[in-house]
C-alpha atoms as a PDB file:
ATOM      1  CA  UNK A   1      -0.563  17.663 -13.556  1.00  0.00           C
ATOM      2  CA  UNK A   2      -0.799  17.015  -9.815  1.00  0.00           C
ATOM      3  CA  UNK A   3       2.023  16.288  -7.366  1.00  0.00           C
ATOM      4  CA  UNK A   4       0.920  13.033  -5.773  1.00  0.00           C
ATOM      5  CA  UNK A   5       2.455  11.146  -2.853  1.00  0.00           C
ATOM      6  CA  UNK A   6       1.843   7.392  -2.926  1.00  0.00           C
ATOM      7  CA  UNK A   7       2.532   5.329   0.217  1.00  0.00           C
ATOM      8  CA  UNK A   8       2.262   1.521  -0.011  1.00  0.00           C
ATOM      9  CA  UNK A   9       3.575  -0.139  -3.189  1.00  0.00           C
ATOM     10  CA  UNK A  10       2.457  -3.791  -2.799  1.00  0.00           C
ATOM     11  CA  UNK A  11       0.260  -5.996  -4.884  1.00  0.00           C
ATOM     12  CA  UNK A  12      -2.409  -3.290  -5.279  1.00  0.00           C
ATOM     13  CA  UNK A  13      -0.419  -0.088  -4.811  1.00  0.00           C
ATOM     14  CA  UNK A  14       2.271  -0.794  -7.378  1.00  0.00           C
ATOM     15  CA  UNK A  15      -0.068  -0.921 -10.457  1.00  0.00           C
ATOM     16  CA  UNK A  16      -2.251   1.881  -9.100  1.00  0.00           C
ATOM     17  CA  UNK A  17       0.761   4.130  -8.766  1.00  0.00           C
ATOM     18  CA  UNK A  18       1.774   3.103 -12.283  1.00  0.00           C
ATOM     19  CA  UNK A  19      -1.538   4.332 -13.740  1.00  0.00           C
ATOM     20  CA  UNK A  20      -1.010   7.736 -12.047  1.00  0.00           C
ATOM     21  CA  UNK A  21       2.447   8.112 -13.684  1.00  0.00           C
ATOM     22  CA  UNK A  22       0.958   7.014 -17.065  1.00  0.00           C
ATOM     23  CA  UNK A  23      -1.692   9.720 -16.547  1.00  0.00           C
ATOM     24  CA  UNK A  24       1.007  12.350 -16.461  1.00  0.00           C
ATOM     25  CA  UNK A  25       1.164  13.062 -12.741  1.00  0.00           C
ATOM     26  CA  UNK A  26       4.371  13.627 -10.750  1.00  0.00           C
ATOM     27  CA  UNK A  27       4.638  10.838  -8.261  1.00  0.00           C
ATOM     28  CA  UNK A  28       6.552  10.741  -4.937  1.00  0.00           C
ATOM     29  CA  UNK A  29       6.564   7.257  -3.575  1.00  0.00           C
ATOM     30  CA  UNK A  30       7.363   5.517  -0.271  1.00  0.00           C
ATOM     31  CA  UNK A  31       7.183   1.974   1.030  1.00  0.00           C
ATOM     32  CA  UNK A  32       8.775   0.233   3.922  1.00  0.00           C
ATOM     33  CA  UNK A  33      10.624  -1.793   1.290  1.00  0.00           C
ATOM     34  CA  UNK A  34      12.624  -0.242  -1.575  1.00  0.00           C
ATOM     35  CA  UNK A  35      10.263   1.016  -4.219  1.00  0.00           C
ATOM     36  CA  UNK A  36       9.833  -1.097  -7.387  1.00  0.00           C
ATOM     37  CA  UNK A  37      12.476  -0.182  -9.962  1.00  0.00           C
ATOM     38  CA  UNK A  38       9.754  -0.287 -12.649  1.00  0.00           C
ATOM     39  CA  UNK A  39       8.100   2.743 -11.100  1.00  0.00           C
ATOM     40  CA  UNK A  40      11.382   4.657 -10.685  1.00  0.00           C
ATOM     41  CA  UNK A  41      12.146   3.904 -14.323  1.00  0.00           C
ATOM     42  CA  UNK A  42       8.827   5.507 -15.337  1.00  0.00           C
ATOM     43  CA  UNK A  43       9.651   8.712 -13.390  1.00  0.00           C
ATOM     44  CA  UNK A  44       8.494   8.172  -9.806  1.00  0.00           C
ATOM     45  CA  UNK A  45      10.673   9.822  -7.240  1.00  0.00           C
ATOM     46  CA  UNK A  46      11.627   7.763  -4.146  1.00  0.00           C
ATOM     47  CA  UNK A  47      11.059   9.377  -0.749  1.00  0.00           C
ATOM     48  CA  UNK A  48      12.831   8.560   2.502  1.00  0.00           C
ATOM     49  CA  UNK A  49       9.607   8.589   4.621  1.00  0.00           C
ATOM     50  CA  UNK A  50       5.864   9.190   4.597  1.00  0.00           C
ATOM     51  CA  UNK A  51       6.627  12.683   5.938  1.00  0.00           C
ATOM     52  CA  UNK A  52       8.909  13.324   2.978  1.00  0.00           C
ATOM     53  CA  UNK A  53       6.230  12.221   0.496  1.00  0.00           C
ATOM     54  CA  UNK A  54       3.589  14.458   2.220  1.00  0.00           C
ATOM     55  CA  UNK A  55       5.898  17.487   2.159  1.00  0.00           C
ATOM     56  CA  UNK A  56       6.455  17.217  -1.633  1.00  0.00           C
ATOM     57  CA  UNK A  57       2.927  16.359  -2.700  1.00  0.00           C
ATOM     58  CA  UNK A  58      -0.405  18.062  -2.867  1.00  0.00           C
ATOM     59  CA  UNK A  59      -2.454  14.917  -2.641  1.00  0.00           C
ATOM     60  CA  UNK A  60      -1.189  11.966  -0.507  1.00  0.00           C
ATOM     61  CA  UNK A  61      -2.598   8.495  -1.243  1.00  0.00           C
ATOM     62  CA  UNK A  62      -2.142   5.490   1.023  1.00  0.00           C
ATOM     63  CA  UNK A  63      -2.635   1.837   0.093  1.00  0.00           C
ATOM     64  CA  UNK A  64      -1.461  -0.293   3.024  1.00  0.00           C
ATOM     65  CA  UNK A  65      -2.810  -3.572   4.558  1.00  0.00           C
ATOM     66  CA  UNK A  66      -4.680  -2.737   7.786  1.00  0.00           C
ATOM     67  CA  UNK A  67      -5.812  -0.145  10.325  1.00  0.00           C
ATOM     68  CA  UNK A  68      -2.490  -0.095  12.347  1.00  0.00           C
ATOM     69  CA  UNK A  69      -0.594   0.352   9.136  1.00  0.00           C
ATOM     70  CA  UNK A  70      -2.581   3.424   8.214  1.00  0.00           C
ATOM     71  CA  UNK A  71      -2.209   4.794  11.806  1.00  0.00           C
ATOM     72  CA  UNK A  72       1.560   4.366  11.573  1.00  0.00           C
ATOM     73  CA  UNK A  73       1.731   5.905   8.069  1.00  0.00           C
ATOM     74  CA  UNK A  74      -0.221   8.916   9.212  1.00  0.00           C
ATOM     75  CA  UNK A  75       0.789   9.570  12.811  1.00  0.00           C
ATOM     76  CA  UNK A  76       3.957   7.455  13.429  1.00  0.00           C
ATOM     77  CA  UNK A  77       7.469   8.903  13.480  1.00  0.00           C
ATOM     78  CA  UNK A  78       8.107  10.703  10.166  1.00  0.00           C
ATOM     79  CA  UNK A  79       4.433  10.025   9.253  1.00  0.00           C
ATOM     80  CA  UNK A  80       2.236  11.904   6.852  1.00  0.00           C
ATOM     81  CA  UNK A  81       0.884  14.335   9.508  1.00  0.00           C
ATOM     82  CA  UNK A  82       4.382  15.668  10.157  1.00  0.00           C
ATOM     83  CA  UNK A  83       4.736  16.649   6.485  1.00  0.00           C
ATOM     84  CA  UNK A  84       1.344  18.265   5.937  1.00  0.00           C
ATOM     85  CA  UNK A  85       0.603  21.956   5.425  1.00  0.00           C
ATOM     86  CA  UNK A  86      -2.800  23.586   5.035  1.00  0.00           C
ATOM     87  CA  UNK A  87      -4.934  22.725   1.995  1.00  0.00           C
ATOM     88  CA  UNK A  88      -3.505  19.309   1.195  1.00  0.00           C
ATOM     89  CA  UNK A  89      -5.640  16.243   0.753  1.00  0.00           C
ATOM     90  CA  UNK A  90      -4.978  12.834   2.358  1.00  0.00           C
ATOM     91  CA  UNK A  91      -6.614   9.874   0.646  1.00  0.00           C
ATOM     92  CA  UNK A  92      -6.669   6.428   2.296  1.00  0.00           C
ATOM     93  CA  UNK A  93      -7.439   3.690  -0.250  1.00  0.00           C
ATOM     94  CA  UNK A  94      -6.737   0.818   2.209  1.00  0.00           C
ATOM     95  CA  UNK A  95      -9.567  -1.259   3.672  1.00  0.00           C
ATOM     96  CA  UNK A  96      -9.701  -0.486   7.382  1.00  0.00           C
ATOM     97  CA  UNK A  97     -12.013   0.231  10.360  1.00  0.00           C
ATOM     98  CA  UNK A  98     -14.740   2.774   9.603  1.00  0.00           C
ATOM     99  CA  UNK A  99     -14.676   3.961  13.250  1.00  0.00           C
ATOM    100  CA  UNK A 100     -10.962   4.566  13.240  1.00  0.00           C
ATOM    101  CA  UNK A 101     -11.277   6.254   9.846  1.00  0.00           C
ATOM    102  CA  UNK A 102     -13.514   8.906  11.382  1.00  0.00           C
ATOM    103  CA  UNK A 103     -10.920   9.537  14.062  1.00  0.00           C
ATOM    104  CA  UNK A 104      -8.102   9.707  11.541  1.00  0.00           C
ATOM    105  CA  UNK A 105     -10.054  12.198   9.376  1.00  0.00           C
ATOM    106  CA  UNK A 106     -10.768  14.429  12.392  1.00  0.00           C
ATOM    107  CA  UNK A 107      -7.069  14.653  13.297  1.00  0.00           C
ATOM    108  CA  UNK A 108      -6.159  15.468   9.687  1.00  0.00           C
ATOM    109  CA  UNK A 109      -8.876  18.119   9.520  1.00  0.00           C
ATOM    110  CA  UNK A 110      -7.407  19.761  12.613  1.00  0.00           C
ATOM    111  CA  UNK A 111      -4.147  20.190  10.630  1.00  0.00           C
ATOM    112  CA  UNK A 112      -6.042  22.220   8.012  1.00  0.00           C
ATOM    113  CA  UNK A 113      -6.258  19.404   5.472  1.00  0.00           C
ATOM    114  CA  UNK A 114      -9.070  17.323   3.987  1.00  0.00           C
ATOM    115  CA  UNK A 115      -9.408  13.570   4.198  1.00  0.00           C
ATOM    116  CA  UNK A 116     -11.022  10.949   1.948  1.00  0.00           C
ATOM    117  CA  UNK A 117     -11.436   7.273   2.731  1.00  0.00           C
ATOM    118  CA  UNK A 118     -11.619   5.561  -0.619  1.00  0.00           C
ATOM    119  CA  UNK A 119     -11.272   1.747  -0.375  1.00  0.00           C
ATOM    120  CA  UNK A 120     -11.440  -0.346  -3.493  1.00  0.00           C
ATOM    121  CA  UNK A 121     -12.905  -3.576  -4.781  1.00  0.00           C
ATOM    122  CA  UNK A 122     -11.580  -5.562  -7.677  1.00  0.00           C
ATOM    123  CA  UNK A 123      -8.369  -7.108  -6.411  1.00  0.00           C
ATOM    124  CA  UNK A 124      -5.069  -7.357  -8.210  1.00  0.00           C
ATOM    125  CA  UNK A 125      -6.839  -7.865 -11.561  1.00  0.00           C
ATOM    126  CA  UNK A 126      -8.744  -4.587 -11.092  1.00  0.00           C
ATOM    127  CA  UNK A 127      -5.649  -2.748  -9.948  1.00  0.00           C
ATOM    128  CA  UNK A 128      -3.649  -3.818 -13.003  1.00  0.00           C
ATOM    129  CA  UNK A 129      -6.607  -3.141 -15.395  1.00  0.00           C
ATOM    130  CA  UNK A 130      -7.533   0.204 -13.807  1.00  0.00           C
ATOM    131  CA  UNK A 131     -11.079  -1.149 -13.360  1.00  0.00           C
ATOM    132  CA  UNK A 132     -11.425  -0.863  -9.563  1.00  0.00           C
ATOM    133  CA  UNK A 133     -14.624   0.073  -7.909  1.00  0.00           C
ATOM    134  CA  UNK A 134     -13.835   2.977  -5.574  1.00  0.00           C
ATOM    135  CA  UNK A 135     -16.085   3.791  -2.604  1.00  0.00           C
ATOM    136  CA  UNK A 136     -15.405   7.266  -1.223  1.00  0.00           C
ATOM    137  CA  UNK A 137     -16.278   8.926   2.067  1.00  0.00           C
ATOM    138  CA  UNK A 138     -15.506  12.589   2.715  1.00  0.00           C
ATOM    139  CA  UNK A 139     -16.249  16.144   1.617  1.00  0.00           C
ATOM    140  CA  UNK A 140     -17.487  16.657  -1.910  1.00  0.00           C
ATOM    141  CA  UNK A 141     -14.969  19.467  -2.589  1.00  0.00           C
ATOM    142  CA  UNK A 142     -12.035  17.096  -1.926  1.00  0.00           C
ATOM    143  CA  UNK A 143     -13.736  14.301  -3.899  1.00  0.00           C
ATOM    144  CA  UNK A 144     -14.029  16.513  -6.983  1.00  0.00           C
ATOM    145  CA  UNK A 145     -10.333  17.492  -6.812  1.00  0.00           C
ATOM    146  CA  UNK A 146      -9.248  13.867  -6.512  1.00  0.00           C
ATOM    147  CA  UNK A 147     -11.774  12.325  -8.884  1.00  0.00           C
ATOM    148  CA  UNK A 148      -9.505  12.684 -11.961  1.00  0.00           C
ATOM    149  CA  UNK A 149      -6.896  10.583 -10.141  1.00  0.00           C
ATOM    150  CA  UNK A 150      -9.550   7.981  -9.156  1.00  0.00           C
ATOM    151  CA  UNK A 151     -10.565   7.841 -12.827  1.00  0.00           C
ATOM    152  CA  UNK A 152      -7.093   6.681 -13.734  1.00  0.00           C
ATOM    153  CA  UNK A 153      -7.317   3.728 -11.306  1.00  0.00           C
ATOM    154  CA  UNK A 154     -10.976   2.679 -11.487  1.00  0.00           C
ATOM    155  CA  UNK A 155     -14.241   2.700 -13.389  1.00  0.00           C
ATOM    156  CA  UNK A 156     -17.097   2.729 -10.852  1.00  0.00           C
ATOM    157  CA  UNK A 157     -16.367   5.729  -8.541  1.00  0.00           C
ATOM    158  CA  UNK A 158     -18.989   6.726  -5.980  1.00  0.00           C
ATOM    159  CA  UNK A 159     -19.022   9.356  -3.297  1.00  0.00           C
ATOM    160  CA  UNK A 160     -21.003   7.384  -0.721  1.00  0.00           C
ATOM    161  CA  UNK A 161     -21.180  10.031   2.050  1.00  0.00           C
ATOM    162  CA  UNK A 162     -19.089  11.432   4.894  1.00  0.00           C
ATOM    163  CA  UNK A 163     -15.796  10.255   6.245  1.00  0.00           C
ATOM    164  CA  UNK A 164     -16.120   6.611   7.267  1.00  0.00           C
ATOM    165  CA  UNK A 165     -18.941   5.854   4.839  1.00  0.00           C
ATOM    166  CA  UNK A 166     -16.532   4.665   2.168  1.00  0.00           C
ATOM    167  CA  UNK A 167     -15.058   2.137   4.592  1.00  0.00           C
ATOM    168  CA  UNK A 168     -18.518   1.124   5.740  1.00  0.00           C
ATOM    169  CA  UNK A 169     -19.463   0.428   2.064  1.00  0.00           C
ATOM    170  CA  UNK A 170     -16.289  -1.634   1.649  1.00  0.00           C
ATOM    171  CA  UNK A 171     -17.060  -3.762   4.696  1.00  0.00           C
ATOM    172  CA  UNK A 172     -20.576  -4.325   3.335  1.00  0.00           C
ATOM    173  CA  UNK A 173     -18.990  -5.363  -0.036  1.00  0.00           C
ATOM    174  CA  UNK A 174     -16.738  -7.876   1.687  1.00  0.00           C
ATOM    175  CA  UNK A 175     -19.666  -9.362   3.595  1.00  0.00           C
ATOM    176  CA  UNK A 176     -21.571  -9.936   0.327  1.00  0.00           C
ATOM    177  CA  UNK A 177     -18.513 -11.366  -1.398  1.00  0.00           C
ATOM    178  CA  UNK A 178     -17.743 -13.787   1.434  1.00  0.00           C
ATOM    179  CA  UNK A 179     -21.309 -14.956   1.762  1.00  0.00           C
ATOM    180  CA  UNK A 180     -21.632 -15.465  -1.965  1.00  0.00           C
ATOM    181  CA  UNK A 181     -18.374 -17.429  -2.119  1.00  0.00           C
ATOM    182  CA  UNK A 182     -19.822 -19.659   0.619  1.00  0.00           C
ATOM    183  CA  UNK A 183     -23.097 -20.099  -1.217  1.00  0.00           C
ATOM    184  CA  UNK A 184     -21.345 -20.963  -4.500  1.00  0.00           C
ATOM    185  CA  UNK A 185     -18.956 -23.324  -2.819  1.00  0.00           C
ATOM    186  CA  UNK A 186     -21.736 -25.083  -0.904  1.00  0.00           C
ATOM    187  CA  UNK A 187     -23.941 -25.456  -4.033  1.00  0.00           C
ATOM    188  CA  UNK A 188     -21.181 -26.789  -6.251  1.00  0.00           C
ATOM    189  CA  UNK A 189     -20.099 -29.189  -3.530  1.00  0.00           C
ATOM    190  CA  UNK A 190     -23.628 -30.395  -3.088  1.00  0.00           C
ATOM    191  CA  UNK A 191     -23.888 -31.022  -6.831  1.00  0.00           C
ATOM    192  CA  UNK A 192     -20.526 -32.856  -7.000  1.00  0.00           C
ATOM    193  CA  UNK A 193     -21.290 -35.113  -3.989  1.00  0.00           C
ATOM    194  CA  UNK A 194     -24.742 -35.930  -5.467  1.00  0.00           C
ATOM    195  CA  UNK A 195     -22.942 -37.163  -8.583  1.00  0.00           C
ATOM    196  CA  UNK A 196     -23.581 -34.308 -10.983  1.00  0.00           C
ATOM    197  CA  UNK A 197     -20.844 -32.685 -13.032  1.00  0.00           C
ATOM    198  CA  UNK A 198     -20.083 -29.456 -11.211  1.00  0.00           C
ATOM    199  CA  UNK A 199     -18.733 -27.753 -14.344  1.00  0.00           C
ATOM    200  CA  UNK A 200     -21.949 -28.373 -16.162  1.00  0.00           C
ATOM    201  CA  UNK A 201     -24.038 -27.363 -13.124  1.00  0.00           C
ATOM    202  CA  UNK A 202     -22.119 -24.061 -12.969  1.00  0.00           C
ATOM    203  CA  UNK A 203     -22.634 -23.597 -16.707  1.00  0.00           C
ATOM    204  CA  UNK A 204     -26.438 -24.071 -16.258  1.00  0.00           C
ATOM    205  CA  UNK A 205     -26.622 -21.753 -13.299  1.00  0.00           C
ATOM    206  CA  UNK A 206     -24.786 -19.000 -15.155  1.00  0.00           C
ATOM    207  CA  UNK A 207     -27.860 -18.616 -17.316  1.00  0.00           C
ATOM    208  CA  UNK A 208     -30.344 -18.253 -14.463  1.00  0.00           C
ATOM    209  CA  UNK A 209     -31.213 -16.084 -11.451  1.00  0.00           C
ATOM    210  CA  UNK A 210     -28.342 -17.621  -9.442  1.00  0.00           C
ATOM    211  CA  UNK A 211     -25.809 -16.133 -11.844  1.00  0.00           C
ATOM    212  CA  UNK A 212     -23.124 -13.859 -10.361  1.00  0.00           C
ATOM    213  CA  UNK A 213     -19.612 -12.658 -10.933  1.00  0.00           C
ATOM    214  CA  UNK A 214     -18.494 -14.969  -8.115  1.00  0.00           C
ATOM    215  CA  UNK A 215     -20.185 -18.009  -9.629  1.00  0.00           C
ATOM    216  CA  UNK A 216     -18.443 -17.113 -12.894  1.00  0.00           C
ATOM    217  CA  UNK A 217     -14.932 -16.391 -11.641  1.00  0.00           C
ATOM    218  CA  UNK A 218     -14.652 -18.223  -8.315  1.00  0.00           C
ATOM    219  CA  UNK A 219     -16.886 -21.084  -9.319  1.00  0.00           C
ATOM    220  CA  UNK A 220     -14.431 -21.791 -12.092  1.00  0.00           C
ATOM    221  CA  UNK A 221     -11.468 -21.495  -9.635  1.00  0.00           C
ATOM    222  CA  UNK A 222     -13.153 -24.098  -7.347  1.00  0.00           C
ATOM    223  CA  UNK A 223     -13.617 -26.559 -10.242  1.00  0.00           C
ATOM    224  CA  UNK A 224     -10.174 -26.038 -11.674  1.00  0.00           C
ATOM    225  CA  UNK A 225      -8.538 -26.012  -8.257  1.00  0.00           C
ATOM    226  CA  UNK A 226      -6.808 -22.658  -8.954  1.00  0.00           C
ATOM    227  CA  UNK A 227      -6.314 -21.079  -5.588  1.00  0.00           C
ATOM    228  CA  UNK A 228      -3.347 -18.876  -6.385  1.00  0.00           C
ATOM    229  CA  UNK A 229      -4.162 -15.648  -4.597  1.00  0.00           C
ATOM    230  CA  UNK A 230      -5.940 -12.814  -6.333  1.00  0.00           C
ATOM    231  CA  UNK A 231      -7.254 -11.704  -2.902  1.00  0.00           C
ATOM    232  CA  UNK A 232      -5.809 -13.603   0.064  1.00  0.00           C
ATOM    233  CA  UNK A 233      -7.900 -15.274   2.763  1.00  0.00           C
ATOM    234  CA  UNK A 234      -5.940 -13.467   5.468  1.00  0.00           C
ATOM    235  CA  UNK A 235      -7.088 -10.118   4.044  1.00  0.00           C
ATOM    236  CA  UNK A 236     -10.663 -11.229   3.807  1.00  0.00           C
ATOM    237  CA  UNK A 237     -10.496 -12.479   7.387  1.00  0.00           C
ATOM    238  CA  UNK A 238      -9.407  -8.954   8.389  1.00  0.00           C
ATOM    239  CA  UNK A 239     -12.320  -7.391   6.628  1.00  0.00           C
ATOM    240  CA  UNK A 240     -14.849  -9.756   8.177  1.00  0.00           C
ATOM    241  CA  UNK A 241     -13.250  -9.002  11.565  1.00  0.00           C
ATOM    242  CA  UNK A 242     -14.087  -5.338  10.933  1.00  0.00           C
ATOM    243  CA  UNK A 243     -17.635  -6.334  10.002  1.00  0.00           C
ATOM    244  CA  UNK A 244     -18.122  -8.347  13.202  1.00  0.00           C
ATOM    245  CA  UNK A 245     -16.509  -5.665  15.376  1.00  0.00           C
ATOM    246  CA  UNK A 246     -18.934  -3.173  13.923  1.00  0.00           C
ATOM    247  CA  UNK A 247     -21.825  -5.483  14.499  1.00  0.00           C
ATOM    248  CA  UNK A 248     -20.929  -5.628  18.133  1.00  0.00           C
ATOM    249  CA  UNK A 249     -20.900  -1.859  18.394  1.00  0.00           C
ATOM    250  CA  UNK A 250     -24.219  -1.592  16.543  1.00  0.00           C
ATOM    251  CA  UNK A 251     -25.678  -4.426  18.675  1.00  0.00           C
ATOM    252  CA  UNK A 252     -26.808  -6.529  15.681  1.00  0.00           C
ATOM    253  CA  UNK A 253     -26.404 -10.126  14.661  1.00  0.00           C
ATOM    254  CA  UNK A 254     -24.785 -11.127  11.360  1.00  0.00           C
ATOM    255  CA  UNK A 255     -24.909 -14.963  11.420  1.00  0.00           C
ATOM    256  CA  UNK A 256     -23.944 -15.611   7.807  1.00  0.00           C
ATOM    257  CA  UNK A 257     -20.889 -13.305   8.072  1.00  0.00           C
ATOM    258  CA  UNK A 258     -19.858 -15.117  11.245  1.00  0.00           C
ATOM    259  CA  UNK A 259     -20.030 -18.510   9.549  1.00  0.00           C
ATOM    260  CA  UNK A 260     -17.885 -17.223   6.659  1.00  0.00           C
ATOM    261  CA  UNK A 261     -15.357 -15.890   9.162  1.00  0.00           C
ATOM    262  CA  UNK A 262     -15.146 -19.309  10.830  1.00  0.00           C
ATOM    263  CA  UNK A 263     -14.711 -21.045   7.497  1.00  0.00           C
ATOM    264  CA  UNK A 264     -11.817 -18.702   6.635  1.00  0.00           C
ATOM    265  CA  UNK A 265     -10.379 -19.455  10.114  1.00  0.00           C
ATOM    266  CA  UNK A 266     -10.518 -23.175   9.262  1.00  0.00           C
ATOM    267  CA  UNK A 267      -8.606 -22.589   6.011  1.00  0.00           C
ATOM    268  CA  UNK A 268      -5.971 -20.609   7.815  1.00  0.00           C
ATOM    269  CA  UNK A 269      -5.548 -23.324  10.395  1.00  0.00           C
ATOM    270  CA  UNK A 270      -4.712 -25.702   7.453  1.00  0.00           C
ATOM    271  CA  UNK A 271      -2.013 -23.300   6.312  1.00  0.00           C
ATOM    272  CA  UNK A 272      -4.175 -21.494   3.806  1.00  0.00           C
ATOM    273  CA  UNK A 273      -4.054 -17.862   5.029  1.00  0.00           C
ATOM    274  CA  UNK A 274      -2.454 -16.862   1.738  1.00  0.00           C
ATOM    275  CA  UNK A 275      -4.779 -18.955  -0.488  1.00  0.00           C
ATOM    276  CA  UNK A 276      -7.256 -17.060  -2.696  1.00  0.00           C
ATOM    277  CA  UNK A 277     -10.460 -16.394  -0.817  1.00  0.00           C
ATOM    278  CA  UNK A 278     -12.319 -18.763  -3.243  1.00  0.00           C
ATOM    279  CA  UNK A 279     -10.492 -21.469  -1.376  1.00  0.00           C
ATOM    280  CA  UNK A 280     -13.044 -21.112   1.442  1.00  0.00           C
ATOM    281  CA  UNK A 281     -14.584 -24.064  -0.382  1.00  0.00           C
ATOM    282  CA  UNK A 282     -11.762 -26.218   1.001  1.00  0.00           C
ATOM    283  CA  UNK A 283     -13.199 -25.815   4.499  1.00  0.00           C
ATOM    284  CA  UNK A 284     -16.632 -26.967   3.236  1.00  0.00           C
ATOM    285  CA  UNK A 285     -14.973 -29.882   1.452  1.00  0.00           C
ATOM    286  CA  UNK A 286     -13.315 -31.027   4.697  1.00  0.00           C
ATOM    287  CA  UNK A 287     -16.785 -30.917   6.367  1.00  0.00           C
ATOM    288  CA  UNK A 288     -18.275 -32.978   3.621  1.00  0.00           C
ATOM    289  CA  UNK A 289     -15.352 -35.343   3.153  1.00  0.00           C
ATOM    290  CA  UNK A 290     -15.608 -34.683  -0.538  1.00  0.00           C
ATOM    291  CA  UNK A 291     -13.952 -32.444  -3.120  1.00  0.00           C
ATOM    292  CA  UNK A 292     -15.689 -30.604  -5.897  1.00  0.00           C
ATOM    293  CA  UNK A 293     -13.061 -31.776  -8.327  1.00  0.00           C
ATOM    294  CA  UNK A 294      -9.535 -33.107  -8.495  1.00  0.00           C
END
């Protein structure tokens, strides 16, 4: 049994923390809001700050929305850094800037602790089902110690490389997801406006080389008009912002990623920042003056 600090108990963090408790670990939890009663009922111990959680735990996991949130959790007043002692491991499972991640890791290393960046893919469904894909950057020794915890939260767990490489992998993942959502939306919209049944077109495509998880899941969302958020547009916009900022630093062009970012911006402008990211198709529908269905 490990003593684990868990900071960030939102849509993703809450079920992830629950799996760790179910796995027999002692959990010390903190969130800016009162921790969910369901976790306390299962044995989680509420902490008064990130510092408090870090003092009580051997491994500290963070699952918060964005780069500034991680910075505040780590280095703000009563942050994780203030509660660390030598030999502890800090694990950031948020999706944030790879460049900032490297700087955060260096500061934690200076305190005699190890750092892993371990962003996830799979959304709320994956978090609840413990089927997340986990992309890890950092030292192998720390990875091996934390891997049993990762195994309680996910299925596909890969040590990608050094600190920052896990976040780089996640940014690449989000680029592929966004571009594929755009392709599926554009194709089904083309079929619908040409007079074909988009549901039957999707069914046919699922048996060919164009088949994908996004065509399966998000293609169905587009046809059934189910845009309740599994992964919100505003979060995907943040991830593509990281991708495009990285592209500027690397002096490379990413035209398809840029187009997807603009389509998400168009949805947000229509009040859709909290729609599921499959609702990118709504921006395409506005441009075509046609809806796939409904």
